[in-house]
PDB file of N, CA and C in Angstrom:
ATOM      1  N   UNK A   1     135.519 115.790  85.852  1.00  0.00           N
ATOM      2  CA  UNK A   1     134.227 115.874  86.436  1.00  0.00           C
ATOM      3  C   UNK A   1     134.202 115.057  87.784  1.00  0.00           C
ATOM      4  N   UNK A   2     133.608 115.682  88.698  1.00  0.00           N
ATOM      5  CA  UNK A   2     133.510 114.942  89.981  1.00  0.00           C
ATOM      6  C   UNK A   2     132.287 114.053  89.992  1.00  0.00           C
ATOM      7  N   UNK A   3     132.180 113.268  91.062  1.00  0.00           N
ATOM      8  CA  UNK A   3     131.078 112.244  91.157  1.00  0.00           C
ATOM      9  C   UNK A   3     129.665 112.867  91.090  1.00  0.00           C
ATOM     10  N   UNK A   4     129.459 114.072  91.715  1.00  0.00           N
ATOM     11  CA  UNK A   4     128.235 114.713  91.724  1.00  0.00           C
ATOM     12  C   UNK A   4     127.811 115.212  90.326  1.00  0.00           C
ATOM     13  N   UNK A   5     128.750 115.687  89.561  1.00  0.00           N
ATOM     14  CA  UNK A   5     128.508 116.163  88.239  1.00  0.00           C
ATOM     15  C   UNK A   5     128.131 114.951  87.375  1.00  0.00           C
ATOM     16  N   UNK A   6     128.889 113.836  87.537  1.00  0.00           N
ATOM     17  CA  UNK A   6     128.589 112.659  86.769  1.00  0.00           C
ATOM     18  C   UNK A   6     127.211 112.102  86.964  1.00  0.00           C
ATOM     19  N   UNK A   7     126.768 112.149  88.211  1.00  0.00           N
ATOM     20  CA  UNK A   7     125.410 111.705  88.621  1.00  0.00           C
ATOM     21  C   UNK A   7     124.421 112.584  88.003  1.00  0.00           C
ATOM     22  N   UNK A   8     124.623 113.927  87.976  1.00  0.00           N
ATOM     23  CA  UNK A   8     123.708 114.878  87.393  1.00  0.00           C
ATOM     24  C   UNK A   8     123.657 114.636  85.853  1.00  0.00           C
ATOM     25  N   UNK A   9     124.803 114.370  85.278  1.00  0.00           N
ATOM     26  CA  UNK A   9     124.869 114.219  83.815  1.00  0.00           C
ATOM     27  C   UNK A   9     124.089 112.952  83.503  1.00  0.00           C
ATOM     28  N   UNK A  10     124.292 111.840  84.218  1.00  0.00           N
ATOM     29  CA  UNK A  10     123.563 110.597  83.944  1.00  0.00           C
ATOM     30  C   UNK A  10     122.079 110.746  84.132  1.00  0.00           C
ATOM     31  N   UNK A  11     121.680 111.506  85.185  1.00  0.00           N
ATOM     32  CA  UNK A  11     120.288 111.777  85.365  1.00  0.00           C
ATOM     33  C   UNK A  11     119.644 112.558  84.247  1.00  0.00           C
ATOM     34  N   UNK A  12     120.404 113.500  83.712  1.00  0.00           N
ATOM     35  CA  UNK A  12     119.884 114.324  82.625  1.00  0.00           C
ATOM     36  C   UNK A  12     119.749 113.477  81.350  1.00  0.00           C
ATOM     37  N   UNK A  13     120.809 112.649  81.039  1.00  0.00           N
ATOM     38  CA  UNK A  13     120.687 111.705  79.938  1.00  0.00           C
ATOM     39  C   UNK A  13     119.521 110.755  80.091  1.00  0.00           C
ATOM     40  N   UNK A  14     119.277 110.199  81.265  1.00  0.00           N
ATOM     41  CA  UNK A  14     118.150 109.290  81.443  1.00  0.00           C
ATOM     42  C   UNK A  14     116.891 110.052  81.217  1.00  0.00           C
ATOM     43  N   UNK A  15     116.776 111.282  81.721  1.00  0.00           N
ATOM     44  CA  UNK A  15     115.483 112.080  81.561  1.00  0.00           C
ATOM     45  C   UNK A  15     115.244 112.283  80.069  1.00  0.00           C
ATOM     46  N   UNK A  16     116.264 112.710  79.364  1.00  0.00           N
ATOM     47  CA  UNK A  16     116.126 112.973  77.881  1.00  0.00           C
ATOM     48  C   UNK A  16     115.755 111.689  77.150  1.00  0.00           C
ATOM     49  N   UNK A  17     116.329 110.537  77.569  1.00  0.00           N
ATOM     50  CA  UNK A  17     115.995 109.252  76.939  1.00  0.00           C
ATOM     51  C   UNK A  17     114.514 108.916  77.253  1.00  0.00           C
ATOM     52  N   UNK A  18     114.096 109.114  78.474  1.00  0.00           N
ATOM     53  CA  UNK A  18     112.742 108.819  78.881  1.00  0.00           C
ATOM     54  C   UNK A  18     111.734 109.786  78.220  1.00  0.00           C
ATOM     55  N   UNK A  19     112.007 111.060  78.105  1.00  0.00           N
ATOM     56  CA  UNK A  19     111.042 112.024  77.582  1.00  0.00           C
ATOM     57  C   UNK A  19     111.076 111.979  76.084  1.00  0.00           C
ATOM     58  N   UNK A  20     112.072 111.487  75.438  1.00  0.00           N
ATOM     59  CA  UNK A  20     112.070 111.474  74.005  1.00  0.00           C
ATOM     60  C   UNK A  20     111.226 110.418  73.348  1.00  0.00           C
ATOM     61  N   UNK A  21     110.660 109.443  74.104  1.00  0.00           N
ATOM     62  CA  UNK A  21     109.775 108.384  73.663  1.00  0.00           C
ATOM     63  C   UNK A  21     108.343 108.706  74.199  1.00  0.00           C
ATOM     64  N   UNK A  22     107.439 109.224  73.333  1.00  0.00           N
ATOM     65  CA  UNK A  22     106.065 109.562  73.771  1.00  0.00           C
ATOM     66  C   UNK A  22     105.260 108.405  74.278  1.00  0.00           C
ATOM     67  N   UNK A  23     105.525 107.284  73.712  1.00  0.00           N
ATOM     68  CA  UNK A  23     104.761 106.090  74.101  1.00  0.00           C
ATOM     69  C   UNK A  23     105.140 105.667  75.542  1.00  0.00           C
ATOM     70  N   UNK A  24     106.395 105.809  75.922  1.00  0.00           N
ATOM     71  CA  UNK A  24     106.868 105.508  77.256  1.00  0.00           C
ATOM     72  C   UNK A  24     106.149 106.462  78.258  1.00  0.00           C
ATOM     73  N   UNK A  25     106.110 107.732  77.882  1.00  0.00           N
ATOM     74  CA  UNK A  25     105.360 108.761  78.750  1.00  0.00           C
ATOM     75  C   UNK A  25     103.911 108.429  78.910  1.00  0.00           C
ATOM     76  N   UNK A  26     103.277 108.098  77.773  1.00  0.00           N
ATOM     77  CA  UNK A  26     101.860 107.805  77.772  1.00  0.00           C
ATOM     78  C   UNK A  26     101.649 106.532  78.702  1.00  0.00           C
ATOM     79  N   UNK A  27     102.417 105.554  78.480  1.00  0.00           N
ATOM     80  CA  UNK A  27     102.287 104.283  79.252  1.00  0.00           C
ATOM     81  C   UNK A  27     102.472 104.515  80.795  1.00  0.00           C
ATOM     82  N   UNK A  28     103.543 105.264  81.113  1.00  0.00           N
ATOM     83  CA  UNK A  28     103.801 105.544  82.524  1.00  0.00           C
ATOM     84  C   UNK A  28     102.711 106.285  83.140  1.00  0.00           C
ATOM     85  N   UNK A  29     102.184 107.314  82.425  1.00  0.00           N
ATOM     86  CA  UNK A  29     101.119 108.062  82.981  1.00  0.00           C
ATOM     87  C   UNK A  29      99.790 107.272  83.076  1.00  0.00           C
ATOM     88  N   UNK A  30      99.549 106.442  82.076  1.00  0.00           N
ATOM     89  CA  UNK A  30      98.374 105.626  82.097  1.00  0.00           C
ATOM     90  C   UNK A  30      98.396 104.638  83.320  1.00  0.00           C
ATOM     91  N   UNK A  31      99.484 103.948  83.483  1.00  0.00           N
ATOM     92  CA  UNK A  31      99.644 103.072  84.599  1.00  0.00           C
ATOM     93  C   UNK A  31      99.537 103.812  85.956  1.00  0.00           C
ATOM     94  N   UNK A  32     100.139 104.933  85.984  1.00  0.00           N
ATOM     95  CA  UNK A  32     100.030 105.741  87.254  1.00  0.00           C
ATOM     96  C   UNK A  32      98.546 106.091  87.495  1.00  0.00           C
ATOM     97  N   UNK A  33      97.781 106.473  86.461  1.00  0.00           N
ATOM     98  CA  UNK A  33      96.356 106.769  86.571  1.00  0.00           C
ATOM     99  C   UNK A  33      95.518 105.599  87.023  1.00  0.00           C
ATOM    100  N   UNK A  34      95.854 104.409  86.487  1.00  0.00           N
ATOM    101  CA  UNK A  34      95.063 103.220  86.862  1.00  0.00           C
ATOM    102  C   UNK A  34      95.362 102.947  88.340  1.00  0.00           C
ATOM    103  N   UNK A  35      96.569 103.044  88.802  1.00  0.00           N
ATOM    104  CA  UNK A  35      96.825 102.734  90.180  1.00  0.00           C
ATOM    105  C   UNK A  35      96.301 103.799  91.109  1.00  0.00           C
ATOM    106  N   UNK A  36      96.261 105.066  90.635  1.00  0.00           N
ATOM    107  CA  UNK A  36      95.533 106.179  91.484  1.00  0.00           C
ATOM    108  C   UNK A  36      94.058 105.713  91.634  1.00  0.00           C
ATOM    109  N   UNK A  37      93.532 105.332  90.516  1.00  0.00           N
ATOM    110  CA  UNK A  37      92.102 104.936  90.593  1.00  0.00           C
ATOM    111  C   UNK A  37      91.840 103.838  91.459  1.00  0.00           C
ATOM    112  N   UNK A  38      92.696 102.778  91.389  1.00  0.00           N
ATOM    113  CA  UNK A  38      92.496 101.661  92.268  1.00  0.00           C
ATOM    114  C   UNK A  38      92.722 102.073  93.692  1.00  0.00           C
ATOM    115  N   UNK A  39      93.743 102.965  93.919  1.00  0.00           N
ATOM    116  CA  UNK A  39      93.910 103.397  95.288  1.00  0.00           C
ATOM    117  C   UNK A  39      92.752 104.181  95.838  1.00  0.00           C
ATOM    118  N   UNK A  40      92.047 104.985  94.922  1.00  0.00           N
ATOM    119  CA  UNK A  40      90.870 105.721  95.432  1.00  0.00           C
ATOM    120  C   UNK A  40      89.758 104.781  95.694  1.00  0.00           C
ATOM    121  N   UNK A  41      89.596 103.721  94.850  1.00  0.00           N
ATOM    122  CA  UNK A  41      88.524 102.736  95.108  1.00  0.00           C
ATOM    123  C   UNK A  41      88.697 101.988  96.401  1.00  0.00           C
ATOM    124  N   UNK A  42      89.961 101.545  96.651  1.00  0.00           N
ATOM    125  CA  UNK A  42      90.336 100.818  97.847  1.00  0.00           C
ATOM    126  C   UNK A  42      90.087 101.785  99.145  1.00  0.00           C
ATOM    127  N   UNK A  43      90.609 102.992  98.946  1.00  0.00           N
ATOM    128  CA  UNK A  43      90.414 103.934 100.050  1.00  0.00           C
ATOM    129  C   UNK A  43      88.984 104.247 100.336  1.00  0.00           C
ATOM    130  N   UNK A  44      88.182 104.441  99.312  1.00  0.00           N
ATOM    131  CA  UNK A  44      86.737 104.663  99.576  1.00  0.00           C
ATOM    132  C   UNK A  44      86.101 103.430 100.108  1.00  0.00           C
ATOM    133  N   UNK A  45      86.498 102.220  99.725  1.00  0.00           N
ATOM    134  CA  UNK A  45      85.892 101.005 100.335  1.00  0.00           C
ATOM    135  C   UNK A  45      86.213 100.941 101.829  1.00  0.00           C
ATOM    136  N   UNK A  46      87.475 101.181 102.158  1.00  0.00           N
ATOM    137  CA  UNK A  46      87.895 101.156 103.540  1.00  0.00           C
ATOM    138  C   UNK A  46      87.077 102.204 104.365  1.00  0.00           C
ATOM    139  N   UNK A  47      86.942 103.394 103.797  1.00  0.00           N
ATOM    140  CA  UNK A  47      86.207 104.505 104.466  1.00  0.00           C
ATOM    141  C   UNK A  47      84.709 104.127 104.639  1.00  0.00           C
ATOM    142  N   UNK A  48      84.145 103.578 103.615  1.00  0.00           N
ATOM    143  CA  UNK A  48      82.699 103.221 103.747  1.00  0.00           C
ATOM    144  C   UNK A  48      82.584 102.067 104.675  1.00  0.00           C
ATOM    145  N   UNK A  49      83.438 101.129 104.717  1.00  0.00           N
ATOM    146  CA  UNK A  49      83.308 100.074 105.702  1.00  0.00           C
ATOM    147  C   UNK A  49      83.507 100.556 107.129  1.00  0.00           C
ATOM    148  N   UNK A  50      84.403 101.468 107.329  1.00  0.00           N
ATOM    149  CA  UNK A  50      84.572 102.082 108.668  1.00  0.00           C
ATOM    150  C   UNK A  50      83.343 102.926 109.047  1.00  0.00           C
ATOM    151  N   UNK A  51      82.754 103.653 108.048  1.00  0.00           N
ATOM    152  CA  UNK A  51      81.519 104.451 108.359  1.00  0.00           C
ATOM    153  C   UNK A  51      80.418 103.464 108.694  1.00  0.00           C
ATOM    154  N   UNK A  52      80.251 102.371 107.972  1.00  0.00           N
ATOM    155  CA  UNK A  52      79.176 101.369 108.340  1.00  0.00           C
ATOM    156  C   UNK A  52      79.419 100.848 109.810  1.00  0.00           C
ATOM    157  N   UNK A  53      80.721 100.492 110.115  1.00  0.00           N
ATOM    158  CA  UNK A  53      80.980 100.024 111.395  1.00  0.00           C
ATOM    159  C   UNK A  53      80.641 101.053 112.528  1.00  0.00           C
ATOM    160  N   UNK A  54      80.967 102.266 112.235  1.00  0.00           N
ATOM    161  CA  UNK A  54      80.603 103.389 113.267  1.00  0.00           C
ATOM    162  C   UNK A  54      79.080 103.499 113.391  1.00  0.00           C
ATOM    163  N   UNK A  55      78.398 103.435 112.241  1.00  0.00           N
ATOM    164  CA  UNK A  55      76.966 103.544 112.325  1.00  0.00           C
ATOM    165  C   UNK A  55      76.295 102.418 113.121  1.00  0.00           C
ATOM    166  N   UNK A  56      76.869 101.203 113.030  1.00  0.00           N
ATOM    167  CA  UNK A  56      76.342 100.049 113.744  1.00  0.00           C
ATOM    168  C   UNK A  56      76.402 100.271 115.245  1.00  0.00           C
ATOM    169  N   UNK A  57      77.460 101.109 115.670  1.00  0.00           N
ATOM    170  CA  UNK A  57      77.558 101.398 117.101  1.00  0.00           C
ATOM    171  C   UNK A  57      76.457 102.311 117.589  1.00  0.00           C
ATOM    172  N   UNK A  58      75.871 103.168 116.672  1.00  0.00           N
ATOM    173  CA  UNK A  58      74.869 104.103 117.149  1.00  0.00           C
ATOM    174  C   UNK A  58      73.405 103.627 116.842  1.00  0.00           C
ATOM    175  N   UNK A  59      73.174 102.433 116.319  1.00  0.00           N
ATOM    176  CA  UNK A  59      71.873 101.989 115.875  1.00  0.00           C
ATOM    177  C   UNK A  59      71.011 101.868 117.189  1.00  0.00           C
ATOM    178  N   UNK A  60      71.513 101.506 118.280  1.00  0.00           N
ATOM    179  CA  UNK A  60      70.816 101.355 119.532  1.00  0.00           C
ATOM    180  C   UNK A  60      70.657 102.692 120.340  1.00  0.00           C
ATOM    181  N   UNK A  61      71.294 103.748 119.854  1.00  0.00           N
ATOM    182  CA  UNK A  61      71.182 105.077 120.605  1.00  0.00           C
ATOM    183  C   UNK A  61      69.722 105.548 120.463  1.00  0.00           C
ATOM    184  N   UNK A  62      69.189 106.140 121.602  1.00  0.00           N
ATOM    185  CA  UNK A  62      67.823 106.553 121.580  1.00  0.00           C
ATOM    186  C   UNK A  62      67.425 107.588 120.470  1.00  0.00           C
ATOM    187  N   UNK A  63      68.123 108.709 120.331  1.00  0.00           N
ATOM    188  CA  UNK A  63      67.716 109.686 119.401  1.00  0.00           C
ATOM    189  C   UNK A  63      68.178 109.540 118.009  1.00  0.00           C
ATOM    190  N   UNK A  64      69.403 109.158 117.901  1.00  0.00           N
ATOM    191  CA  UNK A  64      69.957 109.003 116.508  1.00  0.00           C
ATOM    192  C   UNK A  64      69.945 107.666 115.996  1.00  0.00           C
ATOM    193  N   UNK A  65      69.427 106.700 116.765  1.00  0.00           N
ATOM    194  CA  UNK A  65      69.519 105.298 116.298  1.00  0.00           C
ATOM    195  C   UNK A  65      68.752 105.024 115.051  1.00  0.00           C
ATOM    196  N   UNK A  66      67.515 105.631 114.945  1.00  0.00           N
ATOM    197  CA  UNK A  66      66.731 105.400 113.745  1.00  0.00           C
ATOM    198  C   UNK A  66      67.376 106.040 112.460  1.00  0.00           C
ATOM    199  N   UNK A  67      67.998 107.196 112.658  1.00  0.00           N
ATOM    200  CA  UNK A  67      68.676 107.868 111.477  1.00  0.00           C
ATOM    201  C   UNK A  67      69.905 106.993 111.043  1.00  0.00           C
ATOM    202  N   UNK A  68      70.585 106.591 112.030  1.00  0.00           N
ATOM    203  CA  UNK A  68      71.808 105.776 111.869  1.00  0.00           C
ATOM    204  C   UNK A  68      71.438 104.458 111.074  1.00  0.00           C
ATOM    205  N   UNK A  69      70.311 103.899 111.533  1.00  0.00           N
ATOM    206  CA  UNK A  69      69.889 102.661 110.891  1.00  0.00           C
ATOM    207  C   UNK A  69      69.437 102.889 109.407  1.00  0.00           C
ATOM    208  N   UNK A  70      68.745 104.005 109.197  1.00  0.00           N
ATOM    209  CA  UNK A  70      68.417 104.380 107.783  1.00  0.00           C
ATOM    210  C   UNK A  70      69.580 104.604 106.926  1.00  0.00           C
ATOM    211  N   UNK A  71      70.598 105.324 107.455  1.00  0.00           N
ATOM    212  CA  UNK A  71      71.835 105.623 106.670  1.00  0.00           C
ATOM    213  C   UNK A  71      72.596 104.340 106.444  1.00  0.00           C
ATOM    214  N   UNK A  72      72.686 103.474 107.428  1.00  0.00           N
ATOM    215  CA  UNK A  72      73.380 102.173 107.290  1.00  0.00           C
ATOM    216  C   UNK A  72      72.672 101.374 106.194  1.00  0.00           C
ATOM    217  N   UNK A  73      71.331 101.344 106.176  1.00  0.00           N
ATOM    218  CA  UNK A  73      70.612 100.519 105.206  1.00  0.00           C
ATOM    219  C   UNK A  73      70.904 101.114 103.836  1.00  0.00           C
ATOM    220  N   UNK A  74      70.797 102.471 103.719  1.00  0.00           N
ATOM    221  CA  UNK A  74      71.038 103.104 102.389  1.00  0.00           C
ATOM    222  C   UNK A  74      72.373 102.837 101.848  1.00  0.00           C
ATOM    223  N   UNK A  75      73.493 102.962 102.699  1.00  0.00           N
ATOM    224  CA  UNK A  75      74.815 102.787 102.230  1.00  0.00           C
ATOM    225  C   UNK A  75      75.149 101.326 101.893  1.00  0.00           C
ATOM    226  N   UNK A  76      74.580 100.449 102.824  1.00  0.00           N
ATOM    227  CA  UNK A  76      74.754  99.013 102.469  1.00  0.00           C
ATOM    228  C   UNK A  76      74.123  98.622 101.168  1.00  0.00           C
ATOM    229  N   UNK A  77      72.890  99.142 100.939  1.00  0.00           N
ATOM    230  CA  UNK A  77      72.127  98.826  99.737  1.00  0.00           C
ATOM    231  C   UNK A  77      72.894  99.308  98.466  1.00  0.00           C
ATOM    232  N   UNK A  78      73.485 100.548  98.595  1.00  0.00           N
ATOM    233  CA  UNK A  78      74.243 101.049  97.420  1.00  0.00           C
ATOM    234  C   UNK A  78      75.477 100.273  97.209  1.00  0.00           C
ATOM    235  N   UNK A  79      76.156  99.854  98.242  1.00  0.00           N
ATOM    236  CA  UNK A  79      77.399  99.055  98.004  1.00  0.00           C
ATOM    237  C   UNK A  79      77.071  97.712  97.418  1.00  0.00           C
ATOM    238  N   UNK A  80      75.925  97.083  97.886  1.00  0.00           N
ATOM    239  CA  UNK A  80      75.587  95.761  97.362  1.00  0.00           C
ATOM    240  C   UNK A  80      75.031  95.925  95.850  1.00  0.00           C
ATOM    241  N   UNK A  81      74.374  97.066  95.536  1.00  0.00           N
ATOM    242  CA  UNK A  81      73.960  97.230  94.105  1.00  0.00           C
ATOM    243  C   UNK A  81      75.050  97.535  93.225  1.00  0.00           C
ATOM    244  N   UNK A  82      76.030  98.234  93.576  1.00  0.00           N
ATOM    245  CA  UNK A  82      77.152  98.629  92.801  1.00  0.00           C
ATOM    246  C   UNK A  82      78.167  97.453  92.555  1.00  0.00           C
ATOM    247  N   UNK A  83      78.320  97.186  91.298  1.00  0.00           N
ATOM    248  CA  UNK A  83      79.216  96.043  90.973  1.00  0.00           C
ATOM    249  C   UNK A  83      80.138  96.611  89.939  1.00  0.00           C
ATOM    250  N   UNK A  84      81.491  96.602  90.166  1.00  0.00           N
ATOM    251  CA  UNK A  84      82.442  97.137  89.306  1.00  0.00           C
ATOM    252  C   UNK A  84      83.208  96.060  88.509  1.00  0.00           C
ATOM    253  N   UNK A  85      82.687  94.833  88.487  1.00  0.00           N
ATOM    254  CA  UNK A  85      83.445  93.813  87.778  1.00  0.00           C
ATOM    255  C   UNK A  85      83.486  94.080  86.268  1.00  0.00           C
ATOM    256  N   UNK A  86      82.472  94.634  85.660  1.00  0.00           N
ATOM    257  CA  UNK A  86      82.507  94.901  84.238  1.00  0.00           C
ATOM    258  C   UNK A  86      83.599  95.978  83.943  1.00  0.00           C
ATOM    259  N   UNK A  87      83.666  97.001  84.815  1.00  0.00           N
ATOM    260  CA  UNK A  87      84.639  98.085  84.535  1.00  0.00           C
ATOM    261  C   UNK A  87      86.063  97.493  84.730  1.00  0.00           C
ATOM    262  N   UNK A  88      86.287  96.645  85.715  1.00  0.00           N
ATOM    263  CA  UNK A  88      87.636  96.082  85.892  1.00  0.00           C
ATOM    264  C   UNK A  88      88.015  95.154  84.692  1.00  0.00           C
ATOM    265  N   UNK A  89      87.076  94.447  84.215  1.00  0.00           N
ATOM    266  CA  UNK A  89      87.311  93.621  82.990  1.00  0.00           C
ATOM    267  C   UNK A  89      87.618  94.445  81.884  1.00  0.00           C
ATOM    268  N   UNK A  90      86.868  95.564  81.644  1.00  0.00           N
ATOM    269  CA  UNK A  90      87.135  96.412  80.505  1.00  0.00           C
ATOM    270  C   UNK A  90      88.561  97.070  80.591  1.00  0.00           C
ATOM    271  N   UNK A  91      88.963  97.489  81.842  1.00  0.00           N
ATOM    272  CA  UNK A  91      90.228  98.073  82.095  1.00  0.00           C
ATOM    273  C   UNK A  91      91.360  97.029  81.827  1.00  0.00           C
ATOM    274  N   UNK A  92      91.120  95.817  82.214  1.00  0.00           N
ATOM    275  CA  UNK A  92      92.116  94.782  82.008  1.00  0.00           C
ATOM    276  C   UNK A  92      92.308  94.382  80.499  1.00  0.00           C
ATOM    277  N   UNK A  93      91.154  94.405  79.791  1.00  0.00           N
ATOM    278  CA  UNK A  93      91.247  94.256  78.305  1.00  0.00           C
ATOM    279  C   UNK A  93      91.919  95.285  77.592  1.00  0.00           C
ATOM    280  N   UNK A  94      91.751  96.590  78.044  1.00  0.00           N
ATOM    281  CA  UNK A  94      92.440  97.708  77.520  1.00  0.00           C
ATOM    282  C   UNK A  94      93.919  97.662  77.802  1.00  0.00           C
ATOM    283  N   UNK A  95      94.257  97.298  79.023  1.00  0.00           N
ATOM    284  CA  UNK A  95      95.744  97.172  79.282  1.00  0.00           C
ATOM    285  C   UNK A  95      96.394  96.021  78.451  1.00  0.00           C
ATOM    286  N   UNK A  96      95.711  94.974  78.277  1.00  0.00           N
ATOM    287  CA  UNK A  96      96.247  93.830  77.424  1.00  0.00           C
ATOM    288  C   UNK A  96      96.476  94.313  75.947  1.00  0.00           C
ATOM    289  N   UNK A  97      95.410  95.114  75.441  1.00  0.00           N
ATOM    290  CA  UNK A  97      95.660  95.643  74.111  1.00  0.00           C
ATOM    291  C   UNK A  97      96.739  96.574  73.987  1.00  0.00           C
ATOM    292  N   UNK A  98      96.917  97.465  74.947  1.00  0.00           N
ATOM    293  CA  UNK A  98      98.037  98.437  75.015  1.00  0.00           C
ATOM    294  C   UNK A  98      99.404  97.731  75.067  1.00  0.00           C
ATOM    295  N   UNK A  99      99.497  96.687  75.910  1.00  0.00           N
ATOM    296  CA  UNK A  99     100.688  95.968  76.103  1.00  0.00           C
ATOM    297  C   UNK A  99     101.048  95.242  74.833  1.00  0.00           C
ATOM    298  N   UNK A 100     100.081  94.700  74.115  1.00  0.00           N
ATOM    299  CA  UNK A 100     100.305  93.986  72.855  1.00  0.00           C
ATOM    300  C   UNK A 100     100.877  94.989  71.832  1.00  0.00           C
ATOM    301  N   UNK A 101     100.223  96.209  71.755  1.00  0.00           N
ATOM    302  CA  UNK A 101     100.698  97.126  70.815  1.00  0.00           C
ATOM    303  C   UNK A 101     102.104  97.674  71.107  1.00  0.00           C
ATOM    304  N   UNK A 102     102.418  97.899  72.316  1.00  0.00           N
ATOM    305  CA  UNK A 102     103.755  98.240  72.728  1.00  0.00           C
ATOM    306  C   UNK A 102     104.778  97.135  72.359  1.00  0.00           C
ATOM    307  N   UNK A 103     104.416  95.878  72.593  1.00  0.00           N
ATOM    308  CA  UNK A 103     105.204  94.820  72.176  1.00  0.00           C
ATOM    309  C   UNK A 103     105.499  94.686  70.727  1.00  0.00           C
ATOM    310  N   UNK A 104     104.447  94.965  69.879  1.00  0.00           N
ATOM    311  CA  UNK A 104     104.665  94.969  68.447  1.00  0.00           C
ATOM    312  C   UNK A 104     105.567  96.109  67.982  1.00  0.00           C
ATOM    313  N   UNK A 105     105.449  97.265  68.650  1.00  0.00           N
ATOM    314  CA  UNK A 105     106.362  98.420  68.346  1.00  0.00           C
ATOM    315  C   UNK A 105     107.783  98.137  68.631  1.00  0.00           C
ATOM    316  N   UNK A 106     108.120  97.410  69.669  1.00  0.00           N
ATOM    317  CA  UNK A 106     109.430  97.135  70.023  1.00  0.00           C
ATOM    318  C   UNK A 106     110.133  96.159  69.158  1.00  0.00           C
ATOM    319  N   UNK A 107     109.346  95.325  68.439  1.00  0.00           N
ATOM    320  CA  UNK A 107     109.905  94.343  67.582  1.00  0.00           C
ATOM    321  C   UNK A 107     110.320  94.998  66.235  1.00  0.00           C
ATOM    322  N   UNK A 108     111.469  94.742  65.686  1.00  0.00           N
ATOM    323  CA  UNK A 108     111.901  95.373  64.426  1.00  0.00           C
ATOM    324  C   UNK A 108     111.124  94.836  63.197  1.00  0.00           C
TER     325      UNK A 108
END
């Protein structure tokens, strides 16, 4: 067997080992989902911050200044009212429980 075939063989063995354990698949997909969600939250926060910054540039404009001011006030109020600490704590607790269960399953 040449080097390329050995690498393909090892990759196939690793894939079979990985896919034969359903808890490993579930955990990997769960963690990926959590990080996708965090990425979406961070991305939305950056976008909203950028939007508010752009709106502050137009507050003094003659025709659209009043509308920009209203939108800025509404968005700022929504951001201040929305508090995700409870959700983050709940996700952290869930991750801790899953990690504990996985640790118990690994022990003989």
